């Protein structure tokens, strides 16, 4: 990609959202959703159920009694 495309705010936002999702940093992901434009939030809405499911798996694993 050209430098002006790579340094655009939209691409930086997309890379930040991807990094937060990839790192399983869900708090950062949802903060980015809140900071972004309405269109960005609509696009990222696709990942909400996936994130909620993964978060519930982590919480369940943390609080489950050992066998």
C-alpha atoms as a PDB file:
ATOM      1  CA  UNK A   1       0.000   0.000   0.000  1.00  0.00           C
ATOM      2  CA  UNK A   2       1.048   3.561  -0.545  1.00  0.00           C
ATOM      3  CA  UNK A   3       2.340   5.513   2.440  1.00  0.00           C
ATOM      4  CA  UNK A   4      -0.606   7.916   2.550  1.00  0.00           C
ATOM      5  CA  UNK A   5      -2.983   4.950   2.718  1.00  0.00           C
ATOM      6  CA  UNK A   6      -0.983   3.188   5.436  1.00  0.00           C
ATOM      7  CA  UNK A   7      -0.781   6.333   7.543  1.00  0.00           C
ATOM      8  CA  UNK A   8      -4.475   7.196   7.264  1.00  0.00           C
ATOM      9  CA  UNK A   9      -6.582   7.297  10.413  1.00  0.00           C
ATOM     10  CA  UNK A  10      -8.945   4.610   9.111  1.00  0.00           C
ATOM     11  CA  UNK A  11      -6.165   2.092   8.491  1.00  0.00           C
ATOM     12  CA  UNK A  12      -4.593   2.813  11.882  1.00  0.00           C
ATOM     13  CA  UNK A  13      -7.983   2.300  13.533  1.00  0.00           C
ATOM     14  CA  UNK A  14      -8.516  -0.986  11.679  1.00  0.00           C
ATOM     15  CA  UNK A  15      -5.070  -2.244  12.676  1.00  0.00           C
ATOM     16  CA  UNK A  16      -5.676  -1.268  16.316  1.00  0.00           C
ATOM     17  CA  UNK A  17      -9.008  -3.094  16.353  1.00  0.00           C
ATOM     18  CA  UNK A  18      -7.424  -6.145  14.737  1.00  0.00           C
ATOM     19  CA  UNK A  19      -4.563  -6.142  17.248  1.00  0.00           C
ATOM     20  CA  UNK A  20      -6.952  -5.882  20.194  1.00  0.00           C
ATOM     21  CA  UNK A  21      -9.072  -8.732  18.825  1.00  0.00           C
ATOM     22  CA  UNK A  22      -6.032 -10.853  18.036  1.00  0.00           C
ATOM     23  CA  UNK A  23      -4.517 -10.240  21.499  1.00  0.00           C
ATOM     24  CA  UNK A  24      -7.873 -11.023  23.136  1.00  0.00           C
ATOM     25  CA  UNK A  25      -7.829  -7.587  24.723  1.00  0.00           C
ATOM     26  CA  UNK A  26     -11.581  -7.216  24.797  1.00  0.00           C
ATOM     27  CA  UNK A  27     -11.647  -4.099  26.950  1.00  0.00           C
ATOM     28  CA  UNK A  28      -9.445  -2.276  24.447  1.00  0.00           C
ATOM     29  CA  UNK A  29     -11.568  -3.588  21.568  1.00  0.00           C
ATOM     30  CA  UNK A  30     -14.796  -2.213  23.011  1.00  0.00           C
ATOM     31  CA  UNK A  31     -13.115   1.096  23.880  1.00  0.00           C
ATOM     32  CA  UNK A  32     -12.045   1.361  20.252  1.00  0.00           C
ATOM     33  CA  UNK A  33     -15.599   0.621  19.150  1.00  0.00           C
ATOM     34  CA  UNK A  34     -16.847   3.440  21.377  1.00  0.00           C
ATOM     35  CA  UNK A  35     -14.226   5.855  20.023  1.00  0.00           C
ATOM     36  CA  UNK A  36     -14.747   5.025  16.375  1.00  0.00           C
ATOM     37  CA  UNK A  37     -17.275   6.336  13.936  1.00  0.00           C
ATOM     38  CA  UNK A  38     -20.752   4.883  13.622  1.00  0.00           C
ATOM     39  CA  UNK A  39     -19.728   3.054  10.435  1.00  0.00           C
ATOM     40  CA  UNK A  40     -16.702   1.499  12.156  1.00  0.00           C
ATOM     41  CA  UNK A  41     -18.895   0.348  15.036  1.00  0.00           C
ATOM     42  CA  UNK A  42     -21.315  -1.220  12.566  1.00  0.00           C
ATOM     43  CA  UNK A  43     -18.489  -3.101  10.863  1.00  0.00           C
ATOM     44  CA  UNK A  44     -17.002  -4.265  14.169  1.00  0.00           C
ATOM     45  CA  UNK A  45     -20.437  -5.361  15.396  1.00  0.00           C
ATOM     46  CA  UNK A  46     -19.797  -8.590  13.485  1.00  0.00           C
ATOM     47  CA  UNK A  47     -17.278  -9.631  16.162  1.00  0.00           C
ATOM     48  CA  UNK A  48     -19.401  -8.912  19.254  1.00  0.00           C
ATOM     49  CA  UNK A  49     -20.860 -12.418  19.623  1.00  0.00           C
ATOM     50  CA  UNK A  50     -17.468 -14.019  19.046  1.00  0.00           C
ATOM     51  CA  UNK A  51     -15.890 -11.842  21.739  1.00  0.00           C
ATOM     52  CA  UNK A  52     -18.721 -12.462  24.198  1.00  0.00           C
ATOM     53  CA  UNK A  53     -18.468 -16.213  23.670  1.00  0.00           C
ATOM     54  CA  UNK A  54     -14.688 -16.227  24.157  1.00  0.00           C
ATOM     55  CA  UNK A  55     -14.981 -14.035  27.254  1.00  0.00           C
ATOM     56  CA  UNK A  56     -17.575 -16.335  28.812  1.00  0.00           C
ATOM     57  CA  UNK A  57     -15.304 -19.309  28.137  1.00  0.00           C
ATOM     58  CA  UNK A  58     -12.449 -17.569  29.956  1.00  0.00           C
ATOM     59  CA  UNK A  59     -14.642 -16.568  32.908  1.00  0.00           C
ATOM     60  CA  UNK A  60     -16.091 -20.081  33.174  1.00  0.00           C
ATOM     61  CA  UNK A  61     -12.621 -21.618  33.090  1.00  0.00           C
ATOM     62  CA  UNK A  62     -11.359 -19.223  35.786  1.00  0.00           C
ATOM     63  CA  UNK A  63     -14.218 -19.791  38.224  1.00  0.00           C
ATOM     64  CA  UNK A  64     -14.867 -23.471  37.626  1.00  0.00           C
ATOM     65  CA  UNK A  65     -14.075 -25.750  40.537  1.00  0.00           C
ATOM     66  CA  UNK A  66     -11.096 -28.017  39.887  1.00  0.00           C
ATOM     67  CA  UNK A  67     -11.894 -31.651  39.225  1.00  0.00           C
END
